């Protein structure tokens, strides 16, 4: 999976049948449950080894300029793979991660789920909208909203996350840190 492949996700495939839709919805809902309850080791078990987890910065561009607001050439909020996510999780558990002491409280809501076939029989393009509220201390809170474009891969009877493009609505983040998963 590459950033270019994630940018190319445009919901061009056929919608999946209802059974596949509900199966994937169950995995997406369970993923959010794990994130909201900080069961991050179980969440990480659902990540594919070739995962790209990318949140590009969206540039505010006038319509008349006709240039893309997102390109792979610009800086990103983060671009991770499974190894870097695992390193973050170990760091969080080390007691040396000041951005997570006390831990961030987060709740994420997902909606507008759409699931499409891709050119690979075992991979599905999944689009969602999210709202993430995070808080730390008494006066440190923020709300992030955006869209996710994912590739979920069927492995046996399960689905695993192979790629995620996170499109935040904000171009400038006012949050003090971004040590959350979306």
N, C-alpha and C. Protein backbone atom coordinates (compact mmCIF):
# COMPACT_ATOMS: atom_id res chain seq x y z
N UNK A 1 0.86 -1.17 0.00
CA UNK A 1 0.00 0.00 0.00
C UNK A 1 0.90 1.24 0.00
N UNK A 2 0.56 2.23 -0.80
CA UNK A 2 1.32 3.47 -0.88
C UNK A 2 0.39 4.66 -0.66
N UNK A 3 0.98 5.82 -0.43
CA UNK A 3 0.18 7.03 -0.29
C UNK A 3 -0.58 7.34 -1.58
N UNK A 4 0.05 7.13 -2.72
CA UNK A 4 -0.64 7.35 -4.00
C UNK A 4 -1.86 6.45 -4.14
N UNK A 5 -1.73 5.21 -3.70
CA UNK A 5 -2.88 4.29 -3.76
C UNK A 5 -4.00 4.78 -2.83
N UNK A 6 -3.64 5.31 -1.67
CA UNK A 6 -4.66 5.84 -0.76
C UNK A 6 -5.35 7.07 -1.36
N UNK A 7 -4.56 7.95 -1.98
CA UNK A 7 -5.15 9.13 -2.62
C UNK A 7 -6.09 8.76 -3.76
N UNK A 8 -5.86 7.63 -4.38
CA UNK A 8 -6.68 7.21 -5.52
C UNK A 8 -8.01 6.58 -5.11
N UNK A 9 -8.25 6.41 -3.82
CA UNK A 9 -9.51 5.81 -3.37
C UNK A 9 -10.65 6.80 -3.58
N UNK A 10 -11.46 6.53 -4.58
CA UNK A 10 -12.53 7.45 -4.97
C UNK A 10 -13.88 6.77 -5.07
N UNK A 11 -14.08 5.65 -4.40
CA UNK A 11 -15.38 4.97 -4.38
C UNK A 11 -15.87 4.64 -5.79
N UNK A 12 -14.98 4.14 -6.62
CA UNK A 12 -15.36 3.83 -8.00
C UNK A 12 -15.84 2.39 -8.17
N UNK A 13 -15.58 1.54 -7.18
CA UNK A 13 -16.01 0.15 -7.27
C UNK A 13 -17.49 0.00 -6.98
N UNK A 14 -17.99 -1.20 -7.22
CA UNK A 14 -19.38 -1.51 -6.91
C UNK A 14 -19.57 -1.61 -5.40
N UNK A 15 -20.75 -1.23 -4.92
CA UNK A 15 -21.07 -1.46 -3.52
C UNK A 15 -21.07 -2.97 -3.24
N UNK A 16 -20.67 -3.34 -2.05
CA UNK A 16 -20.66 -4.76 -1.67
C UNK A 16 -22.09 -5.20 -1.32
N UNK A 17 -22.30 -6.50 -1.22
CA UNK A 17 -23.61 -7.00 -0.80
C UNK A 17 -23.83 -6.74 0.69
N UNK A 18 -25.05 -6.90 1.14
CA UNK A 18 -25.40 -6.55 2.53
C UNK A 18 -24.62 -7.38 3.56
N UNK A 19 -24.39 -8.66 3.29
CA UNK A 19 -23.67 -9.49 4.25
C UNK A 19 -22.23 -8.99 4.43
N UNK A 20 -21.56 -8.70 3.33
CA UNK A 20 -20.19 -8.17 3.43
C UNK A 20 -20.19 -6.82 4.12
N UNK A 21 -21.17 -5.96 3.79
CA UNK A 21 -21.29 -4.66 4.43
C UNK A 21 -21.39 -4.82 5.95
N UNK A 22 -22.29 -5.69 6.41
CA UNK A 22 -22.47 -5.87 7.85
C UNK A 22 -21.24 -6.50 8.50
N UNK A 23 -20.58 -7.42 7.80
CA UNK A 23 -19.36 -8.02 8.35
C UNK A 23 -18.28 -6.94 8.55
N UNK A 24 -18.09 -6.10 7.56
CA UNK A 24 -17.08 -5.03 7.67
C UNK A 24 -17.51 -4.00 8.69
N UNK A 25 -18.78 -3.67 8.73
CA UNK A 25 -19.28 -2.72 9.73
C UNK A 25 -18.98 -3.21 11.14
N UNK A 26 -19.15 -4.50 11.36
CA UNK A 26 -18.86 -5.07 12.69
C UNK A 26 -17.39 -4.86 13.05
N UNK A 27 -16.47 -5.05 12.10
CA UNK A 27 -15.05 -4.86 12.37
C UNK A 27 -14.72 -3.38 12.58
N UNK A 28 -15.32 -2.49 11.79
CA UNK A 28 -15.09 -1.04 11.96
C UNK A 28 -15.60 -0.60 13.33
N UNK A 29 -16.80 -1.05 13.72
CA UNK A 29 -17.34 -0.68 15.03
C UNK A 29 -16.48 -1.23 16.16
N UNK A 30 -16.00 -2.46 15.99
CA UNK A 30 -15.13 -3.04 17.02
C UNK A 30 -13.81 -2.29 17.12
N UNK A 31 -13.30 -1.86 15.98
CA UNK A 31 -12.07 -1.05 16.00
C UNK A 31 -12.27 0.21 16.85
N UNK A 32 -13.38 0.91 16.65
CA UNK A 32 -13.65 2.13 17.41
C UNK A 32 -13.83 1.81 18.90
N UNK A 33 -14.47 0.70 19.21
CA UNK A 33 -14.60 0.27 20.61
C UNK A 33 -13.21 0.11 21.24
N UNK A 34 -12.33 -0.58 20.53
CA UNK A 34 -10.97 -0.80 21.07
C UNK A 34 -10.24 0.52 21.27
N UNK A 35 -10.35 1.44 20.32
CA UNK A 35 -9.68 2.74 20.44
C UNK A 35 -10.29 3.56 21.58
N UNK A 36 -11.60 3.60 21.67
CA UNK A 36 -12.27 4.38 22.72
C UNK A 36 -11.98 3.85 24.12
N UNK A 37 -11.70 2.57 24.23
CA UNK A 37 -11.43 1.96 25.54
C UNK A 37 -9.94 1.69 25.76
N UNK A 38 -9.10 2.24 24.90
CA UNK A 38 -7.65 2.13 25.01
C UNK A 38 -7.17 0.68 25.11
N UNK A 39 -7.77 -0.18 24.32
CA UNK A 39 -7.32 -1.56 24.23
C UNK A 39 -6.46 -1.63 22.97
N UNK A 40 -5.36 -0.92 23.04
CA UNK A 40 -4.56 -0.66 21.83
C UNK A 40 -3.77 -1.88 21.36
N UNK A 41 -3.42 -2.77 22.26
CA UNK A 41 -2.71 -3.97 21.81
C UNK A 41 -3.62 -4.85 20.96
N UNK A 42 -4.89 -4.95 21.34
CA UNK A 42 -5.86 -5.72 20.53
C UNK A 42 -6.14 -4.99 19.22
N UNK A 43 -6.21 -3.65 19.27
CA UNK A 43 -6.39 -2.87 18.04
C UNK A 43 -5.24 -3.15 17.08
N UNK A 44 -4.03 -3.15 17.59
CA UNK A 44 -2.85 -3.36 16.74
C UNK A 44 -2.84 -4.76 16.12
N UNK A 45 -3.48 -5.72 16.76
CA UNK A 45 -3.56 -7.07 16.20
C UNK A 45 -4.31 -7.08 14.87
N UNK A 46 -5.13 -6.05 14.61
CA UNK A 46 -5.91 -5.98 13.37
C UNK A 46 -5.23 -5.16 12.28
N UNK A 47 -3.95 -4.84 12.47
CA UNK A 47 -3.21 -4.07 11.48
C UNK A 47 -2.38 -5.01 10.62
N UNK A 48 -2.44 -4.80 9.31
CA UNK A 48 -1.64 -5.61 8.39
C UNK A 48 -0.18 -5.15 8.42
N UNK A 49 0.72 -6.03 8.09
CA UNK A 49 2.16 -5.71 8.12
C UNK A 49 2.53 -4.63 7.12
N UNK A 50 1.80 -4.52 6.00
CA UNK A 50 2.11 -3.52 4.98
C UNK A 50 1.27 -2.24 5.13
N UNK A 51 0.75 -2.02 6.31
CA UNK A 51 -0.12 -0.87 6.59
C UNK A 51 0.56 0.47 6.29
N UNK A 52 -0.21 1.38 5.68
CA UNK A 52 0.13 2.81 5.60
C UNK A 52 -0.98 3.53 6.32
N UNK A 53 -0.62 4.35 7.30
CA UNK A 53 -1.56 5.08 8.16
C UNK A 53 -1.18 6.55 8.04
N UNK A 54 -1.91 7.30 7.20
CA UNK A 54 -1.44 8.60 6.74
C UNK A 54 -2.48 9.70 6.94
N UNK A 55 -2.03 10.80 7.51
CA UNK A 55 -2.87 12.00 7.67
C UNK A 55 -2.12 13.18 7.04
N UNK A 56 -2.41 13.47 5.77
CA UNK A 56 -1.75 14.60 5.12
C UNK A 56 -2.34 15.93 5.61
N UNK A 57 -1.56 16.97 5.49
CA UNK A 57 -2.08 18.31 5.74
C UNK A 57 -2.82 18.76 4.49
N UNK A 58 -4.01 19.27 4.70
CA UNK A 58 -4.81 19.76 3.56
C UNK A 58 -4.57 21.25 3.41
N UNK A 59 -4.16 21.63 2.23
CA UNK A 59 -3.91 23.04 1.97
C UNK A 59 -5.19 23.70 1.49
N UNK A 60 -5.46 24.90 2.02
CA UNK A 60 -6.63 25.67 1.58
C UNK A 60 -6.29 26.34 0.26
N UNK A 61 -6.94 25.90 -0.80
CA UNK A 61 -6.64 26.38 -2.15
C UNK A 61 -7.92 26.94 -2.77
N UNK A 62 -7.80 28.07 -3.40
CA UNK A 62 -8.95 28.66 -4.07
C UNK A 62 -9.40 27.77 -5.22
N UNK A 63 -10.69 27.70 -5.46
CA UNK A 63 -11.23 26.87 -6.53
C UNK A 63 -10.64 27.23 -7.89
N UNK A 64 -10.41 28.51 -8.12
CA UNK A 64 -9.91 28.92 -9.44
C UNK A 64 -8.48 28.44 -9.71
N UNK A 65 -7.74 28.07 -8.65
CA UNK A 65 -6.36 27.59 -8.85
C UNK A 65 -6.29 26.17 -9.39
N UNK A 66 -7.32 25.39 -9.15
CA UNK A 66 -7.44 24.03 -9.69
C UNK A 66 -6.22 23.15 -9.41
N UNK A 67 -5.64 23.30 -8.26
CA UNK A 67 -4.56 22.42 -7.85
C UNK A 67 -5.07 21.56 -6.70
N UNK A 68 -4.56 20.37 -6.55
CA UNK A 68 -5.05 19.50 -5.48
C UNK A 68 -4.69 20.03 -4.09
N UNK A 69 -5.61 19.85 -3.16
CA UNK A 69 -5.35 20.29 -1.79
C UNK A 69 -4.45 19.32 -1.04
N UNK A 70 -4.32 18.11 -1.57
CA UNK A 70 -3.49 17.08 -0.95
C UNK A 70 -2.57 16.49 -2.02
N UNK A 71 -1.28 16.44 -1.71
CA UNK A 71 -0.34 15.74 -2.57
C UNK A 71 0.65 14.99 -1.69
N UNK A 72 1.31 14.03 -2.26
CA UNK A 72 2.31 13.28 -1.51
C UNK A 72 3.59 14.09 -1.31
N UNK A 73 3.72 15.21 -2.03
CA UNK A 73 4.93 16.03 -1.93
C UNK A 73 4.92 16.94 -0.70
N UNK A 74 3.75 17.21 -0.14
CA UNK A 74 3.66 18.11 1.01
C UNK A 74 3.88 17.35 2.32
N UNK A 75 4.15 18.11 3.34
CA UNK A 75 4.37 17.54 4.67
C UNK A 75 3.05 16.94 5.19
N UNK A 76 3.16 15.97 6.07
CA UNK A 76 2.01 15.29 6.65
C UNK A 76 1.93 15.55 8.14
N UNK A 77 0.74 15.43 8.70
CA UNK A 77 0.61 15.44 10.15
C UNK A 77 1.28 14.21 10.72
N UNK A 78 1.04 13.08 10.07
CA UNK A 78 1.80 11.86 10.36
C UNK A 78 1.66 10.90 9.20
N UNK A 79 2.66 10.07 9.07
CA UNK A 79 2.67 8.97 8.10
C UNK A 79 3.36 7.81 8.79
N UNK A 80 2.58 6.79 9.07
CA UNK A 80 3.10 5.69 9.86
C UNK A 80 2.90 4.36 9.15
N UNK A 81 3.64 3.39 9.62
CA UNK A 81 3.42 2.01 9.21
C UNK A 81 3.22 1.20 10.48
N UNK A 82 3.06 -0.09 10.34
CA UNK A 82 2.78 -0.91 11.53
C UNK A 82 3.93 -0.84 12.53
N UNK A 83 5.16 -0.84 12.05
CA UNK A 83 6.31 -0.79 12.97
C UNK A 83 6.32 0.50 13.79
N UNK A 84 6.06 1.64 13.15
CA UNK A 84 6.09 2.91 13.89
C UNK A 84 4.92 3.00 14.87
N UNK A 85 3.77 2.43 14.50
CA UNK A 85 2.63 2.40 15.43
C UNK A 85 2.97 1.53 16.63
N UNK A 86 3.59 0.38 16.40
CA UNK A 86 3.98 -0.49 17.51
C UNK A 86 4.98 0.20 18.43
N UNK A 87 5.90 0.98 17.85
CA UNK A 87 6.86 1.73 18.64
C UNK A 87 6.13 2.78 19.51
N UNK A 88 5.14 3.46 18.94
CA UNK A 88 4.34 4.43 19.70
C UNK A 88 3.63 3.77 20.87
N UNK A 89 3.06 2.60 20.62
CA UNK A 89 2.34 1.89 21.68
C UNK A 89 3.29 1.49 22.80
N UNK A 90 4.48 1.01 22.44
CA UNK A 90 5.47 0.64 23.47
C UNK A 90 5.90 1.88 24.26
N UNK A 91 6.07 2.99 23.57
CA UNK A 91 6.45 4.25 24.23
C UNK A 91 5.37 4.68 25.21
N UNK A 92 4.11 4.57 24.80
CA UNK A 92 3.01 4.93 25.70
C UNK A 92 3.03 4.10 26.97
N UNK A 93 3.39 2.83 26.85
CA UNK A 93 3.41 1.93 28.00
C UNK A 93 4.68 2.05 28.83
N UNK A 94 5.67 2.82 28.36
CA UNK A 94 6.97 2.88 29.03
C UNK A 94 6.98 3.76 30.28
N UNK A 95 5.97 4.63 30.44
CA UNK A 95 6.00 5.58 31.54
C UNK A 95 6.82 6.82 31.21
N UNK A 96 7.40 6.88 30.03
CA UNK A 96 8.25 8.01 29.63
C UNK A 96 7.57 8.92 28.60
N UNK A 97 6.30 8.70 28.35
CA UNK A 97 5.57 9.47 27.34
C UNK A 97 4.78 10.58 28.03
N UNK A 98 5.38 11.77 28.15
CA UNK A 98 4.74 12.85 28.89
C UNK A 98 3.44 13.33 28.24
N UNK A 99 3.30 13.14 26.93
CA UNK A 99 2.05 13.56 26.28
C UNK A 99 0.89 12.65 26.64
N UNK A 100 1.17 11.54 27.30
CA UNK A 100 0.11 10.62 27.70
C UNK A 100 0.13 10.36 29.21
N UNK A 101 0.58 11.35 29.98
CA UNK A 101 0.57 11.22 31.44
C UNK A 101 0.05 12.52 32.05
N UNK A 102 -1.19 12.62 32.41
CA UNK A 102 -2.21 11.56 32.41
C UNK A 102 -2.64 11.23 30.98
N UNK A 103 -3.24 10.06 30.83
CA UNK A 103 -3.63 9.65 29.48
C UNK A 103 -4.74 10.51 28.89
N UNK A 104 -4.71 10.62 27.59
CA UNK A 104 -5.79 11.31 26.88
C UNK A 104 -7.05 10.47 26.97
N UNK A 105 -8.14 11.16 27.24
CA UNK A 105 -9.45 10.51 27.16
C UNK A 105 -9.99 10.84 25.78
N UNK A 106 -10.41 9.83 25.08
CA UNK A 106 -10.93 10.09 23.74
C UNK A 106 -12.19 9.29 23.52
N UNK A 107 -13.05 9.85 22.71
CA UNK A 107 -14.21 9.12 22.22
C UNK A 107 -14.36 9.48 20.75
N UNK A 108 -14.51 8.44 19.93
CA UNK A 108 -14.66 8.63 18.50
C UNK A 108 -15.99 8.05 18.07
N UNK A 109 -16.69 8.80 17.25
CA UNK A 109 -17.94 8.32 16.65
C UNK A 109 -17.71 8.21 15.14
N UNK A 110 -18.21 7.13 14.58
CA UNK A 110 -18.06 6.85 13.14
C UNK A 110 -19.46 6.82 12.53
N UNK A 111 -19.57 7.36 11.33
CA UNK A 111 -20.85 7.29 10.61
C UNK A 111 -20.60 7.26 9.11
N UNK A 112 -21.67 7.24 8.35
CA UNK A 112 -21.64 7.31 6.89
C UNK A 112 -20.77 6.22 6.27
N UNK A 113 -20.85 5.03 6.80
CA UNK A 113 -20.06 3.90 6.30
C UNK A 113 -20.51 3.52 4.89
N UNK A 114 -19.55 3.44 4.00
CA UNK A 114 -19.78 2.92 2.64
C UNK A 114 -18.65 1.94 2.33
N UNK A 115 -19.00 0.84 1.69
CA UNK A 115 -18.03 -0.21 1.40
C UNK A 115 -18.12 -0.56 -0.09
N UNK A 116 -16.96 -0.61 -0.72
CA UNK A 116 -16.88 -0.85 -2.16
C UNK A 116 -15.90 -1.98 -2.47
N UNK A 117 -16.17 -2.69 -3.55
CA UNK A 117 -15.22 -3.67 -4.06
C UNK A 117 -14.02 -2.94 -4.64
N UNK A 118 -12.88 -3.60 -4.62
CA UNK A 118 -11.68 -3.11 -5.30
C UNK A 118 -11.32 -4.13 -6.39
N UNK A 119 -10.21 -3.92 -7.04
CA UNK A 119 -9.79 -4.88 -8.06
C UNK A 119 -9.18 -6.14 -7.47
N UNK A 120 -9.05 -6.20 -6.14
CA UNK A 120 -8.56 -7.39 -5.45
C UNK A 120 -9.73 -8.00 -4.67
N UNK A 121 -9.95 -9.28 -4.86
CA UNK A 121 -11.11 -9.95 -4.26
C UNK A 121 -11.12 -9.90 -2.74
N UNK A 122 -9.94 -9.84 -2.12
CA UNK A 122 -9.87 -9.87 -0.66
C UNK A 122 -9.72 -8.48 -0.02
N UNK A 123 -9.79 -7.41 -0.82
CA UNK A 123 -9.64 -6.05 -0.28
C UNK A 123 -10.88 -5.22 -0.58
N UNK A 124 -11.24 -4.37 0.40
CA UNK A 124 -12.44 -3.56 0.28
C UNK A 124 -12.11 -2.12 0.64
N UNK A 125 -12.66 -1.21 -0.15
CA UNK A 125 -12.50 0.23 0.10
C UNK A 125 -13.63 0.66 1.03
N UNK A 126 -13.26 1.25 2.15
CA UNK A 126 -14.24 1.60 3.18
C UNK A 126 -14.11 3.09 3.49
N UNK A 127 -15.21 3.82 3.34
CA UNK A 127 -15.25 5.25 3.62
C UNK A 127 -16.11 5.49 4.85
N UNK A 128 -15.62 6.35 5.75
CA UNK A 128 -16.39 6.74 6.93
C UNK A 128 -16.15 8.22 7.23
N UNK A 129 -17.01 8.75 8.07
CA UNK A 129 -16.85 10.09 8.62
C UNK A 129 -16.67 9.91 10.12
N UNK A 130 -15.80 10.71 10.73
CA UNK A 130 -15.57 10.55 12.17
C UNK A 130 -15.59 11.89 12.89
N UNK A 131 -15.94 11.82 14.15
CA UNK A 131 -15.77 12.92 15.09
C UNK A 131 -15.01 12.35 16.28
N UNK A 132 -13.91 12.96 16.61
CA UNK A 132 -13.08 12.51 17.73
C UNK A 132 -12.98 13.64 18.74
N UNK A 133 -13.40 13.36 19.96
CA UNK A 133 -13.25 14.31 21.05
C UNK A 133 -12.16 13.78 21.96
N UNK A 134 -11.18 14.62 22.29
CA UNK A 134 -10.10 14.22 23.18
C UNK A 134 -9.95 15.24 24.29
N UNK A 135 -9.60 14.79 25.48
CA UNK A 135 -9.37 15.72 26.59
C UNK A 135 -8.28 15.20 27.50
N UNK A 136 -7.57 16.16 28.08
CA UNK A 136 -6.56 15.90 29.10
C UNK A 136 -6.62 17.05 30.08
N UNK A 137 -6.34 16.79 31.31
CA UNK A 137 -6.39 17.82 32.35
C UNK A 137 -7.77 18.48 32.37
N UNK A 138 -7.84 19.65 32.96
CA UNK A 138 -9.14 20.32 33.09
C UNK A 138 -9.48 21.19 31.89
N UNK A 139 -8.48 21.73 31.22
CA UNK A 139 -8.75 22.69 30.16
C UNK A 139 -8.09 22.35 28.82
N UNK A 140 -7.72 21.13 28.65
CA UNK A 140 -7.07 20.72 27.41
C UNK A 140 -8.01 19.76 26.68
N UNK A 141 -8.80 20.29 25.76
CA UNK A 141 -9.67 19.43 24.99
C UNK A 141 -9.77 19.94 23.56
N UNK A 142 -10.16 19.07 22.68
CA UNK A 142 -10.33 19.45 21.28
C UNK A 142 -11.22 18.44 20.59
N UNK A 143 -11.80 18.89 19.51
CA UNK A 143 -12.63 18.04 18.67
C UNK A 143 -12.04 18.03 17.27
N UNK A 144 -11.83 16.85 16.76
CA UNK A 144 -11.32 16.67 15.40
C UNK A 144 -12.40 15.98 14.58
N UNK A 145 -12.60 16.47 13.39
CA UNK A 145 -13.59 15.87 12.50
C UNK A 145 -12.95 15.61 11.14
N UNK A 146 -13.41 14.59 10.49
CA UNK A 146 -12.86 14.32 9.17
C UNK A 146 -13.46 13.09 8.53
N UNK A 147 -12.79 12.66 7.48
CA UNK A 147 -13.18 11.47 6.74
C UNK A 147 -12.02 10.50 6.74
N UNK A 148 -12.37 9.22 6.67
CA UNK A 148 -11.36 8.17 6.53
C UNK A 148 -11.64 7.41 5.25
N UNK A 149 -10.58 7.10 4.54
CA UNK A 149 -10.66 6.22 3.38
C UNK A 149 -9.71 5.07 3.68
N UNK A 150 -10.28 3.89 3.84
CA UNK A 150 -9.52 2.72 4.29
C UNK A 150 -9.50 1.63 3.24
N UNK A 151 -8.52 0.77 3.38
CA UNK A 151 -8.52 -0.53 2.73
C UNK A 151 -8.54 -1.57 3.84
N UNK A 152 -9.59 -2.37 3.86
CA UNK A 152 -9.71 -3.49 4.79
C UNK A 152 -9.52 -4.78 3.98
N UNK A 153 -8.66 -5.64 4.49
CA UNK A 153 -8.30 -6.88 3.80
C UNK A 153 -8.91 -8.07 4.56
N UNK A 154 -9.57 -8.94 3.82
CA UNK A 154 -10.13 -10.14 4.44
C UNK A 154 -9.04 -11.19 4.58
N UNK A 155 -8.85 -11.65 5.81
CA UNK A 155 -7.86 -12.67 6.12
C UNK A 155 -8.60 -13.75 6.91
N UNK A 156 -8.87 -14.87 6.26
CA UNK A 156 -9.70 -15.89 6.90
C UNK A 156 -11.11 -15.37 7.10
N UNK A 157 -11.57 -15.40 8.34
CA UNK A 157 -12.91 -14.90 8.67
C UNK A 157 -12.87 -13.48 9.24
N UNK A 158 -11.71 -12.84 9.21
CA UNK A 158 -11.55 -11.51 9.79
C UNK A 158 -11.18 -10.50 8.73
N UNK A 159 -11.31 -9.23 9.11
CA UNK A 159 -10.85 -8.12 8.27
C UNK A 159 -9.76 -7.41 9.02
N UNK A 160 -8.72 -7.01 8.28
CA UNK A 160 -7.58 -6.33 8.88
C UNK A 160 -7.31 -5.04 8.11
N UNK A 161 -6.90 -4.02 8.83
CA UNK A 161 -6.65 -2.71 8.23
C UNK A 161 -5.33 -2.73 7.47
N UNK A 162 -5.40 -2.44 6.15
CA UNK A 162 -4.19 -2.44 5.31
C UNK A 162 -3.79 -1.02 4.92
N UNK A 163 -4.70 -0.07 4.99
CA UNK A 163 -4.38 1.30 4.63
C UNK A 163 -5.42 2.25 5.16
N UNK A 164 -4.98 3.41 5.62
CA UNK A 164 -5.92 4.44 6.10
C UNK A 164 -5.42 5.81 5.69
N UNK A 165 -6.28 6.54 5.00
CA UNK A 165 -6.07 7.95 4.68
C UNK A 165 -7.01 8.73 5.57
N UNK A 166 -6.46 9.59 6.41
CA UNK A 166 -7.25 10.39 7.34
C UNK A 166 -7.26 11.82 6.83
N UNK A 167 -8.45 12.30 6.52
CA UNK A 167 -8.62 13.65 5.97
C UNK A 167 -9.31 14.52 7.00
N UNK A 168 -8.50 15.19 7.81
CA UNK A 168 -9.06 16.10 8.81
C UNK A 168 -9.63 17.33 8.12
N UNK A 169 -10.71 17.87 8.66
CA UNK A 169 -11.32 19.06 8.09
C UNK A 169 -10.49 20.31 8.38
N UNK A 170 -9.76 20.28 9.47
CA UNK A 170 -8.94 21.43 9.85
C UNK A 170 -7.61 21.40 9.08
N UNK A 171 -7.21 22.57 8.62
CA UNK A 171 -5.87 22.70 8.02
C UNK A 171 -4.85 23.05 9.09
N UNK A 172 -5.28 23.79 10.10
CA UNK A 172 -4.43 24.14 11.23
C UNK A 172 -5.04 23.52 12.48
N UNK A 173 -4.26 22.70 13.15
CA UNK A 173 -4.77 22.04 14.35
C UNK A 173 -4.42 22.86 15.58
N UNK A 174 -5.42 23.07 16.42
CA UNK A 174 -5.21 23.82 17.65
C UNK A 174 -4.99 22.90 18.85
N UNK A 175 -5.02 21.62 18.63
CA UNK A 175 -4.79 20.67 19.70
C UNK A 175 -3.31 20.68 20.09
N UNK A 176 -3.02 20.42 21.36
CA UNK A 176 -1.64 20.48 21.84
C UNK A 176 -0.82 19.28 21.42
N UNK A 177 -1.47 18.16 21.20
CA UNK A 177 -0.76 16.99 20.67
C UNK A 177 -1.74 16.16 19.85
N UNK A 178 -1.21 15.24 19.12
CA UNK A 178 -2.01 14.40 18.24
C UNK A 178 -1.66 12.94 18.51
N UNK A 179 -1.55 12.61 19.78
CA UNK A 179 -1.17 11.26 20.16
C UNK A 179 -2.42 10.39 20.34
N UNK A 180 -3.24 10.38 19.31
CA UNK A 180 -4.44 9.55 19.29
C UNK A 180 -4.48 8.80 17.95
N UNK A 181 -5.25 7.74 17.93
CA UNK A 181 -5.46 7.02 16.68
C UNK A 181 -6.89 7.26 16.23
N UNK A 182 -7.07 7.36 14.93
CA UNK A 182 -8.40 7.69 14.39
C UNK A 182 -8.91 6.60 13.49
